[in-house]
Amino acid sequence: MPERVLFIGAHLDDAAISSGGLIRKLANAGYEVSVVCFGNGDEAFVTPDGRAAAVERFGREAIEAHRILGVANFECYDVPDFGVSKNRDDYRQCIRAIRRFRPKVVFGHYWKEYFQHHDMASQSRDAWYQAAWECSGDLGAPWKPAHYYHFEVLQMLPEPTHLVDVSDTFDAELEALRAFGSTQEHLGGLARQLETRAAYYGAQIGVRYAEAFRQSFFLPEAVLNPEEIIR
């Protein structure tokens, strides 16, 4: 059985924007990558009467973008974009997703962004912790992923702990971004921003493109062999 990885995003395009190169790289290496998100794209319109069409269009674009990235399982929980927040239902959905997909590693937002990303950052991180508890039996059997990593979407991560070489898969991220035509309308220039940022991170580790992640130590790691801490 392949190793499993889960990305939890606030909106339909967050995982692709933040981690598209890594997602494609993991898929190429045989990992089973799952992406879940909450916001359904109902604010991704630029004309007064565009809401209904936006939901259908953005959802269709998201399916295609995640197909390009090699995502095995993609789900949106159909929450209004501006309704993504810390609340009981969304928190339970995060726990349910972790228990259902049983990932070795979870990726989610960092809180240095606007309120929907901010709320999802702590909500998904806390779910990483609580999904292992013997509680909430209707959400599935307890599961404890080994690690949690924060990703960046629109704001750069302060002091990332990991820079991942995505030189060979960054083109797939840009292709996935182009599939999000809705994003191009309200986030013009995003492709240039992502490429510049990836080139900046790449220069720090001597490669063309890299993506940044910050490991969460909200839960301390157990070290049973002292040599592990100096590896």
C-alpha atoms as a PDB file:
ATOM      1  CA  MET A   1       0.000   0.000   0.000  1.00  0.00           C
ATOM      2  CA  PRO A   2       1.428   3.430  -0.914  1.00  0.00           C
ATOM      3  CA  GLU A   3       2.232   6.030   1.716  1.00  0.00           C
ATOM      4  CA  ARG A   4      -0.587   8.535   2.129  1.00  0.00           C
ATOM      5  CA  VAL A   5      -0.440  12.315   2.387  1.00  0.00           C
ATOM      6  CA  LEU A   6      -3.301  14.734   3.101  1.00  0.00           C
ATOM      7  CA  PHE A   7      -3.589  18.440   2.255  1.00  0.00           C
ATOM      8  CA  ILE A   8      -6.307  20.438   4.025  1.00  0.00           C
ATOM      9  CA  GLY A   9      -7.161  23.764   2.374  1.00  0.00           C
ATOM     10  CA  ALA A  10      -9.602  26.535   3.102  1.00  0.00           C
ATOM     11  CA  HIS A  11     -10.524  26.978  -0.574  1.00  0.00           C
ATOM     12  CA  LEU A  12     -10.599  25.073  -3.833  1.00  0.00           C
ATOM     13  CA  ASP A  13      -7.247  26.344  -5.114  1.00  0.00           C
ATOM     14  CA  ASP A  14      -5.169  26.641  -1.926  1.00  0.00           C
ATOM     15  CA  ALA A  15      -3.358  23.306  -2.117  1.00  0.00           C
ATOM     16  CA  ALA A  16      -2.492  23.799  -5.789  1.00  0.00           C
ATOM     17  CA  ILE A  17      -1.240  27.366  -5.248  1.00  0.00           C
ATOM     18  CA  SER A  18       0.803  26.526  -2.171  1.00  0.00           C
ATOM     19  CA  SER A  19       2.126  23.074  -2.937  1.00  0.00           C
ATOM     20  CA  GLY A  20       1.415  22.105  -6.538  1.00  0.00           C
ATOM     21  CA  GLY A  21       5.018  21.213  -7.280  1.00  0.00           C
ATOM     22  CA  LEU A  22       5.305  19.026  -4.200  1.00  0.00           C
ATOM     23  CA  ILE A  23       1.941  17.361  -4.821  1.00  0.00           C
ATOM     24  CA  ARG A  24       2.968  16.384  -8.365  1.00  0.00           C
ATOM     25  CA  LYS A  25       6.366  15.229  -7.083  1.00  0.00           C
ATOM     26  CA  LEU A  26       4.752  13.013  -4.438  1.00  0.00           C
ATOM     27  CA  ALA A  27       2.267  11.589  -6.945  1.00  0.00           C
ATOM     28  CA  ASN A  28       5.124  10.816  -9.366  1.00  0.00           C
ATOM     29  CA  ALA A  29       6.917   8.976  -6.549  1.00  0.00           C
ATOM     30  CA  GLY A  30       3.897   6.738  -5.911  1.00  0.00           C
ATOM     31  CA  TYR A  31       2.360   8.464  -2.890  1.00  0.00           C
ATOM     32  CA  GLU A  32      -1.418   8.563  -2.557  1.00  0.00           C
ATOM     33  CA  VAL A  33      -2.175  12.271  -2.273  1.00  0.00           C
ATOM     34  CA  SER A  34      -5.573  13.441  -1.006  1.00  0.00           C
ATOM     35  CA  VAL A  35      -6.790  17.041  -0.944  1.00  0.00           C
ATOM     36  CA  VAL A  36      -9.822  18.288   0.964  1.00  0.00           C
ATOM     37  CA  CYS A  37     -11.089  21.848   1.139  1.00  0.00           C
ATOM     38  CA  PHE A  38     -14.040  23.812   2.468  1.00  0.00           C
ATOM     39  CA  GLY A  39     -14.834  26.984   0.478  1.00  0.00           C
ATOM     40  CA  ASN A  40     -16.876  26.259  -2.648  1.00  0.00           C
ATOM     41  CA  GLY A  41     -15.859  29.255  -4.790  1.00  0.00           C
ATOM     42  CA  ASP A  42     -19.061  31.239  -4.346  1.00  0.00           C
ATOM     43  CA  GLU A  43     -17.109  34.512  -4.114  1.00  0.00           C
ATOM     44  CA  ALA A  44     -15.026  33.884  -7.250  1.00  0.00           C
ATOM     45  CA  PHE A  45     -17.023  36.185  -9.526  1.00  0.00           C
ATOM     46  CA  VAL A  46     -16.538  39.721 -10.789  1.00  0.00           C
ATOM     47  CA  THR A  47     -20.059  40.632 -12.017  1.00  0.00           C
ATOM     48  CA  PRO A  48     -23.052  41.234  -9.698  1.00  0.00           C
ATOM     49  CA  ASP A  49     -25.025  38.234 -10.973  1.00  0.00           C
ATOM     50  CA  GLY A  50     -22.149  35.769 -11.218  1.00  0.00           C
ATOM     51  CA  ARG A  51     -22.375  33.785  -7.983  1.00  0.00           C
ATOM     52  CA  ALA A  52     -24.244  30.669  -9.158  1.00  0.00           C
ATOM     53  CA  ALA A  53     -22.076  30.237 -12.239  1.00  0.00           C
ATOM     54  CA  ALA A  54     -18.932  30.788 -10.172  1.00  0.00           C
ATOM     55  CA  VAL A  55     -19.606  27.789  -7.931  1.00  0.00           C
ATOM     56  CA  GLU A  56     -20.107  25.468 -10.885  1.00  0.00           C
ATOM     57  CA  ARG A  57     -17.132  26.846 -12.809  1.00  0.00           C
ATOM     58  CA  PHE A  58     -14.658  26.929  -9.935  1.00  0.00           C
ATOM     59  CA  GLY A  59     -15.611  23.412  -8.889  1.00  0.00           C
ATOM     60  CA  ARG A  60     -15.068  22.106 -12.411  1.00  0.00           C
ATOM     61  CA  GLU A  61     -11.727  23.905 -12.641  1.00  0.00           C
ATOM     62  CA  ALA A  62     -10.613  22.455  -9.310  1.00  0.00           C
ATOM     63  CA  ILE A  63     -11.283  18.897 -10.450  1.00  0.00           C
ATOM     64  CA  GLU A  64      -9.161  19.454 -13.556  1.00  0.00           C
ATOM     65  CA  ALA A  65      -6.351  21.225 -11.679  1.00  0.00           C
ATOM     66  CA  HIS A  66      -6.020  18.432  -9.142  1.00  0.00           C
ATOM     67  CA  ARG A  67      -6.120  15.838 -11.925  1.00  0.00           C
ATOM     68  CA  ILE A  68      -3.128  17.604 -13.494  1.00  0.00           C
ATOM     69  CA  LEU A  69      -1.294  17.345 -10.175  1.00  0.00           C
ATOM     70  CA  GLY A  70      -2.002  13.626  -9.831  1.00  0.00           C
ATOM     71  CA  VAL A  71      -4.246  13.894  -6.764  1.00  0.00           C
ATOM     72  CA  ALA A  72      -5.898  10.571  -5.972  1.00  0.00           C
ATOM     73  CA  ASN A  73      -8.776  11.931  -3.869  1.00  0.00           C
ATOM     74  CA  PHE A  74     -10.188  15.451  -4.048  1.00  0.00           C
ATOM     75  CA  GLU A  75     -13.173  16.661  -2.018  1.00  0.00           C
ATOM     76  CA  CYS A  76     -14.806  20.018  -1.308  1.00  0.00           C
ATOM     77  CA  TYR A  77     -17.173  20.331   1.652  1.00  0.00           C
ATOM     78  CA  ASP A  78     -19.301  23.042   0.002  1.00  0.00           C
ATOM     79  CA  VAL A  79     -18.946  25.817   2.582  1.00  0.00           C
ATOM     80  CA  PRO A  80     -19.424  29.430   1.366  1.00  0.00           C
ATOM     81  CA  ASP A  81     -15.983  30.985   0.837  1.00  0.00           C
ATOM     82  CA  PHE A  82     -16.440  33.647   3.506  1.00  0.00           C
ATOM     83  CA  GLY A  83     -18.025  31.082   5.830  1.00  0.00           C
ATOM     84  CA  VAL A  84     -14.784  29.148   6.303  1.00  0.00           C
ATOM     85  CA  SER A  85     -13.979  29.611   9.978  1.00  0.00           C
ATOM     86  CA  LYS A  86     -13.275  27.878  13.256  1.00  0.00           C
ATOM     87  CA  ASN A  87     -16.451  26.034  14.128  1.00  0.00           C
ATOM     88  CA  ARG A  88     -17.616  22.659  15.328  1.00  0.00           C
ATOM     89  CA  ASP A  89     -18.737  21.285  11.970  1.00  0.00           C
ATOM     90  CA  ASP A  90     -15.586  22.201  10.046  1.00  0.00           C
ATOM     91  CA  TYR A  91     -13.378  20.960  12.870  1.00  0.00           C
ATOM     92  CA  ARG A  92     -15.154  17.627  12.827  1.00  0.00           C
ATOM     93  CA  GLN A  93     -14.703  17.462   9.060  1.00  0.00           C
ATOM     94  CA  CYS A  94     -10.938  17.915   9.504  1.00  0.00           C
ATOM     95  CA  ILE A  95     -10.827  15.066  12.014  1.00  0.00           C
ATOM     96  CA  ARG A  96     -13.024  12.901   9.779  1.00  0.00           C
ATOM     97  CA  ALA A  97     -10.718  13.474   6.793  1.00  0.00           C
ATOM     98  CA  ILE A  98      -7.607  12.550   8.773  1.00  0.00           C
ATOM     99  CA  ARG A  99      -9.223   9.383  10.104  1.00  0.00           C
ATOM    100  CA  ARG A 100     -10.636   8.443   6.724  1.00  0.00           C
ATOM    101  CA  PHE A 101      -7.509   8.929   4.606  1.00  0.00           C
ATOM    102  CA  ARG A 102      -5.078   7.874   7.369  1.00  0.00           C
ATOM    103  CA  PRO A 103      -2.135   9.932   6.100  1.00  0.00           C
ATOM    104  CA  LYS A 104       1.418   9.692   7.333  1.00  0.00           C
ATOM    105  CA  VAL A 105       1.748  13.474   6.936  1.00  0.00           C
ATOM    106  CA  VAL A 106      -0.767  16.349   6.935  1.00  0.00           C
ATOM    107  CA  PHE A 107      -0.233  19.718   5.240  1.00  0.00           C
ATOM    108  CA  GLY A 108      -2.296  22.812   6.054  1.00  0.00           C
ATOM    109  CA  HIS A 109      -2.303  26.587   6.212  1.00  0.00           C
ATOM    110  CA  TYR A 110      -0.084  28.918   8.208  1.00  0.00           C
ATOM    111  CA  TRP A 111      -1.899  31.567  10.252  1.00  0.00           C
ATOM    112  CA  LYS A 112      -0.123  34.650   8.873  1.00  0.00           C
ATOM    113  CA  GLU A 113      -2.855  35.220   6.288  1.00  0.00           C
ATOM    114  CA  TYR A 114      -6.423  36.510   6.133  1.00  0.00           C
ATOM    115  CA  PHE A 115      -9.047  35.131   8.491  1.00  0.00           C
ATOM    116  CA  GLN A 116     -10.196  32.057   6.546  1.00  0.00           C
ATOM    117  CA  HIS A 117      -6.638  30.800   6.119  1.00  0.00           C
ATOM    118  CA  HIS A 118      -5.814  31.903   9.663  1.00  0.00           C
ATOM    119  CA  ASP A 119      -8.702  29.924  11.123  1.00  0.00           C
ATOM    120  CA  MET A 120      -7.975  26.833   9.037  1.00  0.00           C
ATOM    121  CA  ALA A 121      -4.320  26.924  10.121  1.00  0.00           C
ATOM    122  CA  SER A 122      -5.060  26.238  13.766  1.00  0.00           C
ATOM    123  CA  GLN A 123      -8.190  24.174  13.089  1.00  0.00           C
ATOM    124  CA  SER A 124      -6.442  21.628  10.870  1.00  0.00           C
ATOM    125  CA  ARG A 125      -3.342  21.575  13.083  1.00  0.00           C
ATOM    126  CA  ASP A 126      -5.456  20.884  16.171  1.00  0.00           C
ATOM    127  CA  ALA A 127      -7.339  18.179  14.255  1.00  0.00           C
ATOM    128  CA  TRP A 128      -3.967  16.527  13.572  1.00  0.00           C
ATOM    129  CA  TYR A 129      -3.653  16.265  17.343  1.00  0.00           C
ATOM    130  CA  GLN A 130      -7.204  15.296  18.229  1.00  0.00           C
ATOM    131  CA  ALA A 131      -7.762  12.790  15.424  1.00  0.00           C
ATOM    132  CA  ALA A 132      -5.648  10.394  17.504  1.00  0.00           C
ATOM    133  CA  TRP A 133      -7.868  10.662  20.581  1.00  0.00           C
ATOM    134  CA  GLU A 134     -10.262   7.928  21.618  1.00  0.00           C
ATOM    135  CA  CYS A 135     -13.286  10.164  21.052  1.00  0.00           C
ATOM    136  CA  SER A 136     -15.873  11.173  18.435  1.00  0.00           C
ATOM    137  CA  GLY A 137     -16.387   7.587  17.358  1.00  0.00           C
ATOM    138  CA  ASP A 138     -18.767   8.566  14.550  1.00  0.00           C
ATOM    139  CA  LEU A 139     -15.819  10.175  12.716  1.00  0.00           C
ATOM    140  CA  GLY A 140     -13.905   6.929  12.297  1.00  0.00           C
ATOM    141  CA  ALA A 141     -11.169   5.085  14.129  1.00  0.00           C
ATOM    142  CA  PRO A 142      -8.447   7.220  15.756  1.00  0.00           C
ATOM    143  CA  TRP A 143      -5.424   7.966  13.593  1.00  0.00           C
ATOM    144  CA  LYS A 144      -2.199   9.806  14.375  1.00  0.00           C
ATOM    145  CA  PRO A 145      -0.216  11.220  11.438  1.00  0.00           C
ATOM    146  CA  ALA A 146       3.502  11.446  12.126  1.00  0.00           C
ATOM    147  CA  HIS A 147       3.962  15.079  11.071  1.00  0.00           C
ATOM    148  CA  TYR A 148       2.122  18.301  10.225  1.00  0.00           C
ATOM    149  CA  TYR A 149       3.526  20.954   7.882  1.00  0.00           C
ATOM    150  CA  HIS A 150       2.245  24.484   7.241  1.00  0.00           C
ATOM    151  CA  PHE A 151       2.201  25.790   3.669  1.00  0.00           C
ATOM    152  CA  GLU A 152       2.004  29.337   2.326  1.00  0.00           C
ATOM    153  CA  VAL A 153      -0.553  30.667  -0.141  1.00  0.00           C
ATOM    154  CA  LEU A 154      -0.399  34.454  -0.512  1.00  0.00           C
ATOM    155  CA  GLN A 155       2.002  35.386   2.301  1.00  0.00           C
ATOM    156  CA  MET A 156       5.522  34.006   2.612  1.00  0.00           C
ATOM    157  CA  LEU A 157       6.221  31.694   5.531  1.00  0.00           C
ATOM    158  CA  PRO A 158       8.414  33.143   8.268  1.00  0.00           C
ATOM    159  CA  GLU A 159      11.430  30.924   8.873  1.00  0.00           C
ATOM    160  CA  PRO A 160      10.455  27.834   6.849  1.00  0.00           C
ATOM    161  CA  THR A 161      11.950  24.609   8.145  1.00  0.00           C
ATOM    162  CA  HIS A 162      11.962  22.822   4.773  1.00  0.00           C
ATOM    163  CA  LEU A 163      12.608  23.964   1.192  1.00  0.00           C
ATOM    164  CA  VAL A 164      11.633  21.254  -1.290  1.00  0.00           C
ATOM    165  CA  ASP A 165      13.210  21.092  -4.744  1.00  0.00           C
ATOM    166  CA  VAL A 166      10.330  21.148  -7.254  1.00  0.00           C
ATOM    167  CA  SER A 167      12.361  22.113 -10.313  1.00  0.00           C
ATOM    168  CA  ASP A 168      11.095  19.083 -12.238  1.00  0.00           C
ATOM    169  CA  THR A 169       7.412  19.528 -11.345  1.00  0.00           C
ATOM    170  CA  PHE A 170       6.859  23.271 -11.087  1.00  0.00           C
ATOM    171  CA  ASP A 171       5.561  23.355 -14.675  1.00  0.00           C
ATOM    172  CA  ALA A 172       2.714  21.098 -13.512  1.00  0.00           C
ATOM    173  CA  GLU A 173       1.841  23.634 -10.808  1.00  0.00           C
ATOM    174  CA  LEU A 174       1.668  26.414 -13.394  1.00  0.00           C
ATOM    175  CA  GLU A 175      -0.477  24.204 -15.631  1.00  0.00           C
ATOM    176  CA  ALA A 176      -2.820  23.523 -12.718  1.00  0.00           C
ATOM    177  CA  LEU A 177      -2.984  27.235 -11.985  1.00  0.00           C
ATOM    178  CA  ARG A 178      -3.962  27.939 -15.602  1.00  0.00           C
ATOM    179  CA  ALA A 179      -6.807  25.454 -15.177  1.00  0.00           C
ATOM    180  CA  PHE A 180      -8.177  27.835 -12.537  1.00  0.00           C
ATOM    181  CA  GLY A 181      -9.449  30.453 -14.963  1.00  0.00           C
ATOM    182  CA  SER A 182     -11.551  31.921 -12.145  1.00  0.00           C
ATOM    183  CA  THR A 183      -8.409  32.578 -10.120  1.00  0.00           C
ATOM    184  CA  GLN A 184      -6.893  34.507 -12.998  1.00  0.00           C
ATOM    185  CA  GLU A 185      -9.841  36.912 -12.931  1.00  0.00           C
ATOM    186  CA  HIS A 186      -9.583  37.926  -9.277  1.00  0.00           C
ATOM    187  CA  LEU A 187      -5.936  37.128  -8.533  1.00  0.00           C
ATOM    188  CA  GLY A 188      -4.222  38.529 -11.608  1.00  0.00           C
ATOM    189  CA  GLY A 189      -0.471  38.129 -11.683  1.00  0.00           C
ATOM    190  CA  LEU A 190      -0.493  35.145  -9.361  1.00  0.00           C
ATOM    191  CA  ALA A 191       1.526  32.937 -11.706  1.00  0.00           C
ATOM    192  CA  ARG A 192       4.330  35.467 -11.807  1.00  0.00           C
ATOM    193  CA  GLN A 193       4.243  35.783  -8.017  1.00  0.00           C
ATOM    194  CA  LEU A 194       4.474  32.016  -7.542  1.00  0.00           C
ATOM    195  CA  GLU A 195       7.295  31.624 -10.049  1.00  0.00           C
ATOM    196  CA  THR A 196       9.280  34.461  -8.489  1.00  0.00           C
ATOM    197  CA  ARG A 197       8.792  33.018  -5.032  1.00  0.00           C
ATOM    198  CA  ALA A 198       9.768  29.504  -6.130  1.00  0.00           C
ATOM    199  CA  ALA A 199      12.880  30.869  -7.830  1.00  0.00           C
ATOM    200  CA  TYR A 200      13.812  32.756  -4.658  1.00  0.00           C
ATOM    201  CA  TYR A 201      13.493  29.627  -2.524  1.00  0.00           C
ATOM    202  CA  GLY A 202      15.310  27.604  -5.161  1.00  0.00           C
ATOM    203  CA  ALA A 203      18.253  29.990  -5.093  1.00  0.00           C
ATOM    204  CA  GLN A 204      18.619  29.370  -1.361  1.00  0.00           C
ATOM    205  CA  ILE A 205      19.267  25.662  -1.895  1.00  0.00           C
ATOM    206  CA  GLY A 206      20.975  25.794  -5.291  1.00  0.00           C
ATOM    207  CA  VAL A 207      18.110  24.615  -7.516  1.00  0.00           C
ATOM    208  CA  ARG A 208      15.826  26.330 -10.012  1.00  0.00           C
ATOM    209  CA  TYR A 209      12.545  26.155  -8.072  1.00  0.00           C
ATOM    210  CA  ALA A 210      11.596  25.209  -4.513  1.00  0.00           C
ATOM    211  CA  GLU A 211       8.533  25.382  -2.268  1.00  0.00           C
ATOM    212  CA  ALA A 212       8.600  26.326   1.410  1.00  0.00           C
ATOM    213  CA  PHE A 213       7.043  24.492   4.358  1.00  0.00           C
ATOM    214  CA  ARG A 214       7.205  24.924   8.102  1.00  0.00           C
ATOM    215  CA  GLN A 215       7.005  21.845  10.308  1.00  0.00           C
ATOM    216  CA  SER A 216       4.700  22.168  13.291  1.00  0.00           C
ATOM    217  CA  PHE A 217       6.083  21.204  16.665  1.00  0.00           C
ATOM    218  CA  PHE A 218       2.755  21.770  18.369  1.00  0.00           C
ATOM    219  CA  LEU A 219       3.197  18.130  19.354  1.00  0.00           C
ATOM    220  CA  PRO A 220       6.774  17.405  20.476  1.00  0.00           C
ATOM    221  CA  GLU A 221       8.560  14.560  18.758  1.00  0.00           C
ATOM    222  CA  ALA A 222       9.622  11.559  20.810  1.00  0.00           C
ATOM    223  CA  VAL A 223      13.331  10.785  20.623  1.00  0.00           C
ATOM    224  CA  LEU A 224      14.179   7.309  21.910  1.00  0.00           C
ATOM    225  CA  ASN A 225      17.655   7.196  20.423  1.00  0.00           C
ATOM    226  CA  PRO A 226      19.815  10.272  21.191  1.00  0.00           C
ATOM    227  CA  GLU A 227      21.511   9.928  17.789  1.00  0.00           C
ATOM    228  CA  GLU A 228      18.217  10.816  16.098  1.00  0.00           C
ATOM    229  CA  ILE A 229      18.318  14.370  17.413  1.00  0.00           C
ATOM    230  CA  ILE A 230      21.702  15.060  15.795  1.00  0.00           C
ATOM    231  CA  ARG A 231      21.138  13.203  12.530  1.00  0.00           C
END
